[in-house]
């Protein structure tokens, strides 16, 4: 029974997430569930959470980021990895595909007991990541979604043709002028573009939050919390926020720049995670893609082919047409 498991204090769960924000979000869900089981305690192995030297974690659940978890296991010895009975990798494709995270995750996993249960969670698994996962999780039970289920039919997808970032911004203003938006997330490829766009939107009177990778993790968490509380209606961000951040009021996601990998090819997984920030909790969502060159049109066409779902063109100079997409 659950009560027996709770009382066995040696049975511990370790959950590792790729970012500070995701670790906090997962922890908050567990804290809500934990109201019904006050015996279950939680600790965060994240940067900024400083424990006294010589302490040993007594909490049954530890959630953290890979670097801090590794330090707590090896250097500071707050965590006894031999007592971990359940090991969870959140956003497992990132944890496995990103070189630094992969090395740290493997080092953590190798310290765990042989009978430790290992769980990998992610909305997307590329073939190369899947093969790697099979090597570190022998004889797994697999639960997979079909590709067509993965494309999120509750989200209407459109693209807008532009010539440059200034035209993109004008199209954005036209969209805001024609439809009611609860909250919006706008994704840019670079910090420079995100900073420029946030400034332009602010000058138009929008309540804008800016989030990018060079910010301190505590700053990023504060920005997300303000956005979640509705203090800002627009979040302009780079890919740091593409995964896992659930804000129920987000009704529109705009790809100011389409997601591409380091070689300039379509990043289909990031596209799926980005547009998945809307249409959550069973609601309908709207995703709009800005296309400003033949190259980005080619990227969009390849994304359509990958998901086998047509993305319709939207004329942002026609206010009547914009109003229709919100219905």
Protein backbone atom coordinates (compact mmCIF):
# COMPACT_ATOMS: atom_id res chain seq x y z
CA UNK A 1 0.00 0.00 0.00
CA UNK A 2 1.02 3.65 -0.37
CA UNK A 3 1.27 4.09 3.39
CA UNK A 4 3.76 1.22 3.65
CA UNK A 5 5.92 2.77 0.91
CA UNK A 6 5.83 6.16 2.65
CA UNK A 7 6.99 4.67 5.93
CA UNK A 8 9.98 2.97 4.28
CA UNK A 9 12.21 6.04 4.47
CA UNK A 10 15.01 4.29 2.57
CA UNK A 11 12.84 4.22 -0.56
CA UNK A 12 13.74 7.44 -2.31
CA UNK A 13 12.89 8.94 -5.68
CA UNK A 14 15.33 11.15 -7.58
CA UNK A 15 13.94 13.25 -10.45
CA UNK A 16 16.34 15.15 -12.72
CA UNK A 17 15.15 17.98 -15.01
CA UNK A 18 17.20 19.92 -17.59
CA UNK A 19 16.37 23.37 -16.19
CA UNK A 20 15.79 25.14 -12.89
CA UNK A 21 12.30 26.21 -14.03
CA UNK A 22 11.15 22.69 -14.85
CA UNK A 23 12.47 21.33 -11.56
CA UNK A 24 10.48 23.96 -9.66
CA UNK A 25 7.34 23.32 -11.71
CA UNK A 26 7.49 19.56 -11.12
CA UNK A 27 8.09 20.17 -7.42
CA UNK A 28 5.05 22.42 -7.15
CA UNK A 29 2.84 19.69 -8.62
CA UNK A 30 4.25 17.19 -6.12
CA UNK A 31 3.70 19.66 -3.29
CA UNK A 32 0.03 19.97 -4.31
CA UNK A 33 -0.34 16.18 -4.39
CA UNK A 34 1.61 15.92 -1.14
CA UNK A 35 -1.12 17.77 0.74
CA UNK A 36 -2.92 14.43 0.85
CA UNK A 37 0.20 12.61 2.11
CA UNK A 38 1.93 14.91 4.61
CA UNK A 39 4.41 12.12 5.42
CA UNK A 40 5.97 12.52 1.98
CA UNK A 41 8.67 15.21 2.00
CA UNK A 42 10.40 16.93 -0.92
CA UNK A 43 13.83 18.54 -1.36
CA UNK A 44 15.12 20.64 -4.27
CA UNK A 45 18.65 19.92 -5.52
CA UNK A 46 18.96 23.21 -7.41
CA UNK A 47 21.40 26.06 -7.49
CA UNK A 48 20.83 28.47 -4.61
CA UNK A 49 19.42 25.84 -2.23
CA UNK A 50 22.28 25.61 0.25
CA UNK A 51 22.30 22.90 2.92
CA UNK A 52 24.63 22.58 5.92
CA UNK A 53 27.71 20.47 5.26
CA UNK A 54 27.45 16.94 6.57
CA UNK A 55 23.66 16.80 6.16
CA UNK A 56 22.01 13.71 4.71
CA UNK A 57 18.80 14.10 2.72
CA UNK A 58 15.95 12.41 4.61
CA UNK A 59 13.17 13.49 2.22
CA UNK A 60 11.64 10.72 0.09
CA UNK A 61 11.67 12.80 -3.13
CA UNK A 62 14.53 14.88 -4.50
CA UNK A 63 14.05 17.00 -7.61
CA UNK A 64 16.94 18.83 -9.20
CA UNK A 65 19.12 19.75 -12.14
CA UNK A 66 21.92 17.39 -13.23
CA UNK A 67 24.94 19.44 -12.15
CA UNK A 68 23.64 20.12 -8.64
CA UNK A 69 22.39 16.54 -8.20
CA UNK A 70 25.82 15.23 -9.17
CA UNK A 71 27.50 17.58 -6.66
CA UNK A 72 25.10 16.49 -3.92
CA UNK A 73 25.88 12.83 -4.65
CA UNK A 74 29.67 13.02 -5.09
CA UNK A 75 31.20 16.14 -3.57
CA UNK A 76 28.82 17.19 -0.79
CA UNK A 77 27.35 13.71 -0.18
CA UNK A 78 23.92 15.09 0.76
CA UNK A 79 22.36 12.25 -1.27
CA UNK A 80 23.23 8.57 -0.85
CA UNK A 81 22.68 7.27 -4.42
CA UNK A 82 22.57 3.66 -3.17
CA UNK A 83 19.27 4.43 -1.42
CA UNK A 84 17.57 5.67 -4.59
CA UNK A 85 14.87 3.25 -5.71
CA UNK A 86 13.24 5.33 -8.48
CA UNK A 87 15.22 7.48 -10.95
CA UNK A 88 13.32 9.83 -13.28
CA UNK A 89 14.69 11.74 -16.26
CA UNK A 90 12.32 14.58 -17.18
CA UNK A 91 12.53 15.81 -20.81
CA UNK A 92 14.62 12.72 -21.39
CA UNK A 93 15.43 13.52 -25.02
CA UNK A 94 17.18 16.74 -23.95
CA UNK A 95 18.90 15.01 -21.05
CA UNK A 96 20.24 12.34 -23.39
CA UNK A 97 20.93 14.41 -26.52
CA UNK A 98 22.64 17.39 -24.86
CA UNK A 99 26.29 16.52 -24.33
CA UNK A 100 26.76 17.99 -20.84
CA UNK A 101 23.43 16.69 -19.53
CA UNK A 102 24.08 13.27 -21.06
CA UNK A 103 27.43 12.87 -19.31
CA UNK A 104 26.01 13.98 -15.97
CA UNK A 105 22.90 11.79 -16.29
CA UNK A 106 25.01 8.72 -17.06
CA UNK A 107 27.31 9.42 -14.10
CA UNK A 108 24.31 9.70 -11.78
CA UNK A 109 22.67 6.58 -13.20
CA UNK A 110 25.85 4.50 -12.76
CA UNK A 111 25.90 5.27 -9.03
CA UNK A 112 22.38 3.89 -8.49
CA UNK A 113 21.53 0.37 -7.33
CA UNK A 114 21.00 -2.23 -10.04
CA UNK A 115 17.38 -2.71 -9.01
CA UNK A 116 16.59 1.02 -9.26
CA UNK A 117 13.53 1.68 -11.42
CA UNK A 118 14.34 4.12 -14.24
CA UNK A 119 11.64 6.28 -15.87
CA UNK A 120 12.18 8.47 -18.95
CA UNK A 121 9.54 11.07 -19.80
CA UNK A 122 9.36 13.23 -22.92
CA UNK A 123 6.85 14.33 -25.54
CA UNK A 124 9.37 13.58 -28.29
CA UNK A 125 12.04 10.97 -28.96
CA UNK A 126 14.26 11.10 -32.04
CA UNK A 127 15.57 7.74 -33.31
CA UNK A 128 19.14 8.39 -32.13
CA UNK A 129 17.89 9.29 -28.65
CA UNK A 130 15.59 6.28 -28.62
CA UNK A 131 18.48 3.90 -29.37
CA UNK A 132 20.54 5.45 -26.58
CA UNK A 133 17.63 5.16 -24.14
CA UNK A 134 17.26 1.47 -24.95
CA UNK A 135 20.90 0.93 -24.00
CA UNK A 136 20.59 2.50 -20.55
CA UNK A 137 17.12 1.10 -19.76
CA UNK A 138 17.21 -2.65 -20.39
CA UNK A 139 13.97 -4.43 -21.23
CA UNK A 140 11.79 -1.29 -20.88
CA UNK A 141 8.04 -0.94 -20.85
CA UNK A 142 7.23 1.60 -23.57
CA UNK A 143 4.21 3.90 -23.84
CA UNK A 144 4.21 5.83 -27.14
CA UNK A 145 1.86 8.29 -28.81
CA UNK A 146 1.17 8.02 -32.51
CA UNK A 147 2.67 10.85 -34.57
CA UNK A 148 -0.78 12.14 -35.59
CA UNK A 149 -1.79 12.34 -31.93
CA UNK A 150 1.41 14.24 -31.25
CA UNK A 151 0.51 17.10 -33.60
CA UNK A 152 -2.04 18.52 -31.17
CA UNK A 153 -5.22 18.85 -33.18
CA UNK A 154 -6.59 21.40 -30.73
CA UNK A 155 -4.09 23.97 -32.10
CA UNK A 156 -4.85 25.96 -35.26
CA UNK A 157 -1.62 26.72 -37.13
CA UNK A 158 -0.98 29.59 -39.57
CA UNK A 159 1.91 31.35 -41.25
CA UNK A 160 2.42 34.99 -42.23
CA UNK A 161 4.63 36.13 -45.14
CA UNK A 162 6.95 39.05 -44.33
CA UNK A 163 10.16 40.53 -45.74
CA UNK A 164 12.04 41.49 -42.57
CA UNK A 165 11.72 41.77 -38.80
CA UNK A 166 10.03 45.17 -39.06
CA UNK A 167 7.25 43.65 -41.19
CA UNK A 168 6.99 40.79 -38.72
CA UNK A 169 6.47 43.31 -35.93
CA UNK A 170 3.79 45.14 -37.94
CA UNK A 171 2.00 41.80 -38.56
CA UNK A 172 2.19 41.12 -34.83
CA UNK A 173 0.58 44.48 -34.06
CA UNK A 174 -2.21 43.78 -36.58
CA UNK A 175 -2.91 40.42 -34.91
CA UNK A 176 -3.10 42.09 -31.50
CA UNK A 177 -5.40 44.76 -32.89
CA UNK A 178 -7.88 42.26 -34.31
CA UNK A 179 -8.25 39.45 -31.76
CA UNK A 180 -8.51 39.13 -28.00
CA UNK A 181 -5.45 37.43 -26.55
CA UNK A 182 -5.35 36.31 -22.92
CA UNK A 183 -1.60 35.75 -22.82
CA UNK A 184 0.92 35.10 -25.58
CA UNK A 185 4.36 33.53 -25.86
CA UNK A 186 6.62 34.76 -28.65
CA UNK A 187 9.70 32.71 -29.58
CA UNK A 188 12.80 34.24 -31.13
CA UNK A 189 15.97 32.56 -32.38
CA UNK A 190 18.47 34.90 -30.69
CA UNK A 191 18.69 36.93 -27.50
CA UNK A 192 19.34 40.04 -29.63
CA UNK A 193 16.07 39.65 -31.57
CA UNK A 194 14.16 38.86 -28.37
CA UNK A 195 15.51 42.00 -26.69
CA UNK A 196 14.66 44.17 -29.71
CA UNK A 197 11.14 42.76 -29.98
CA UNK A 198 10.42 43.15 -26.27
CA UNK A 199 11.47 46.80 -26.50
CA UNK A 200 9.26 47.44 -29.53
CA UNK A 201 6.23 45.80 -27.91
CA UNK A 202 6.78 47.76 -24.69
CA UNK A 203 6.89 51.01 -26.66
CA UNK A 204 3.46 50.08 -28.09
CA UNK A 205 2.08 49.82 -24.57
CA UNK A 206 2.11 46.03 -24.09
CA UNK A 207 2.98 44.46 -20.73
CA UNK A 208 6.02 42.44 -21.79
CA UNK A 209 8.32 40.01 -20.00
CA UNK A 210 11.66 39.01 -21.51
CA UNK A 211 13.27 35.64 -20.87
CA UNK A 212 16.58 34.39 -22.26
CA UNK A 213 19.35 31.97 -21.37
CA UNK A 214 21.93 34.44 -20.09
CA UNK A 215 19.70 35.48 -17.17
CA UNK A 216 20.36 34.01 -13.73
CA UNK A 217 18.10 31.05 -12.99
CA UNK A 218 16.47 32.92 -10.10
CA UNK A 219 15.69 35.83 -12.44
CA UNK A 220 14.18 33.44 -14.99
CA UNK A 221 12.02 31.80 -12.33
CA UNK A 222 10.77 35.21 -11.19
CA UNK A 223 9.87 36.22 -14.77
CA UNK A 224 7.93 32.99 -15.33
CA UNK A 225 6.10 33.39 -12.02
CA UNK A 226 5.04 36.95 -12.92
CA UNK A 227 3.84 35.74 -16.32
CA UNK A 228 1.98 32.83 -14.74
CA UNK A 229 0.25 35.27 -12.37
CA UNK A 230 -0.79 37.43 -15.34
CA UNK A 231 1.27 40.48 -14.36
CA UNK A 232 2.67 40.49 -17.91
CA UNK A 233 0.50 39.47 -20.86
CA UNK A 234 3.31 38.79 -23.35
CA UNK A 235 6.39 36.62 -22.80
CA UNK A 236 9.16 37.09 -25.37
CA UNK A 237 11.66 34.27 -25.09
CA UNK A 238 14.27 32.10 -26.74
CA UNK A 239 14.11 28.30 -26.56
CA UNK A 240 14.76 28.37 -22.81
CA UNK A 241 10.97 28.28 -22.37
CA UNK A 242 10.02 25.92 -25.20
CA UNK A 243 9.56 22.92 -22.95
CA UNK A 244 7.34 22.09 -20.06
CA UNK A 245 6.24 25.51 -18.80
CA UNK A 246 2.47 25.25 -18.28
CA UNK A 247 0.51 28.52 -18.18
CA UNK A 248 -3.20 27.87 -18.61
CA UNK A 249 -4.03 31.36 -19.93
CA UNK A 250 -1.67 31.18 -22.96
CA UNK A 251 -3.99 31.36 -25.97
CA UNK A 252 -1.47 32.25 -28.70
CA UNK A 253 2.07 31.12 -29.51
CA UNK A 254 3.98 33.08 -32.14
CA UNK A 255 7.15 31.81 -33.76
CA UNK A 256 8.76 35.15 -34.62
CA UNK A 257 11.60 32.95 -35.89
CA UNK A 258 11.07 29.32 -36.88
CA UNK A 259 13.09 26.82 -34.83
CA UNK A 260 16.17 25.39 -36.55
CA UNK A 261 19.03 23.22 -35.31
CA UNK A 262 22.73 24.18 -35.38
CA UNK A 263 22.93 23.10 -39.05
CA UNK A 264 19.96 25.24 -40.11
CA UNK A 265 17.55 22.31 -40.51
CA UNK A 266 14.01 22.34 -39.10
CA UNK A 267 13.95 21.50 -35.40
CA UNK A 268 10.66 19.61 -35.42
CA UNK A 269 10.77 18.62 -31.77
CA UNK A 270 11.30 22.20 -30.61
CA UNK A 271 8.46 23.34 -32.93
CA UNK A 272 6.13 20.81 -31.30
CA UNK A 273 7.18 21.84 -27.80
CA UNK A 274 6.81 25.54 -28.62
CA UNK A 275 3.30 25.38 -30.06
CA UNK A 276 2.39 22.97 -27.26
CA UNK A 277 2.55 25.92 -24.84
CA UNK A 278 -0.95 26.77 -26.10
CA UNK A 279 -3.98 24.49 -26.47
CA UNK A 280 -3.28 23.00 -23.05
CA UNK A 281 -5.76 21.59 -20.54
CA UNK A 282 -8.19 20.66 -23.35
CA UNK A 283 -8.54 24.22 -24.62
CA UNK A 284 -8.17 25.34 -28.23
CA UNK A 285 -4.97 27.15 -29.12
CA UNK A 286 -3.51 29.26 -31.90
CA UNK A 287 0.02 29.12 -33.34
CA UNK A 288 1.28 31.70 -35.85
CA UNK A 289 4.58 31.38 -37.72
CA UNK A 290 6.44 34.35 -39.21
CA UNK A 291 8.10 33.55 -42.56
CA UNK A 292 10.53 36.13 -43.94
CA UNK A 293 12.59 34.36 -46.65
CA UNK A 294 12.68 31.46 -49.10
CA UNK A 295 14.80 29.61 -46.57
CA UNK A 296 12.26 29.99 -43.75
CA UNK A 297 9.45 29.02 -46.17
CA UNK A 298 11.40 25.85 -46.93
CA UNK A 299 11.76 25.22 -43.18
CA UNK A 300 7.99 25.64 -42.72
CA UNK A 301 7.23 23.26 -45.62
CA UNK A 302 9.49 20.61 -44.10
CA UNK A 303 7.77 21.03 -40.71
CA UNK A 304 4.39 20.54 -42.43
CA UNK A 305 5.66 17.38 -44.12
CA UNK A 306 7.10 16.03 -40.87
CA UNK A 307 3.82 16.35 -38.97
CA UNK A 308 1.63 15.71 -42.02
CA UNK A 309 -0.47 18.74 -41.15
CA UNK A 310 -1.14 21.74 -43.37
CA UNK A 311 -0.32 25.19 -42.01
CA UNK A 312 -2.59 27.79 -43.63
CA UNK A 313 -1.49 31.23 -44.81
CA UNK A 314 -2.81 34.25 -42.90
CA UNK A 315 -3.03 37.75 -44.40
CA UNK A 316 -2.47 40.10 -41.47
CA UNK A 317 -3.45 43.12 -43.60
CA UNK A 318 -7.01 41.72 -43.71
CA UNK A 319 -8.47 42.35 -40.24
CA UNK A 320 -11.63 40.38 -41.06
CA UNK A 321 -9.53 37.32 -41.87
CA UNK A 322 -7.60 37.64 -38.61
CA UNK A 323 -10.81 37.87 -36.63
CA UNK A 324 -12.03 34.60 -38.20
CA UNK A 325 -9.06 32.58 -36.92
CA UNK A 326 -9.94 33.40 -33.32
CA UNK A 327 -13.41 31.89 -33.62
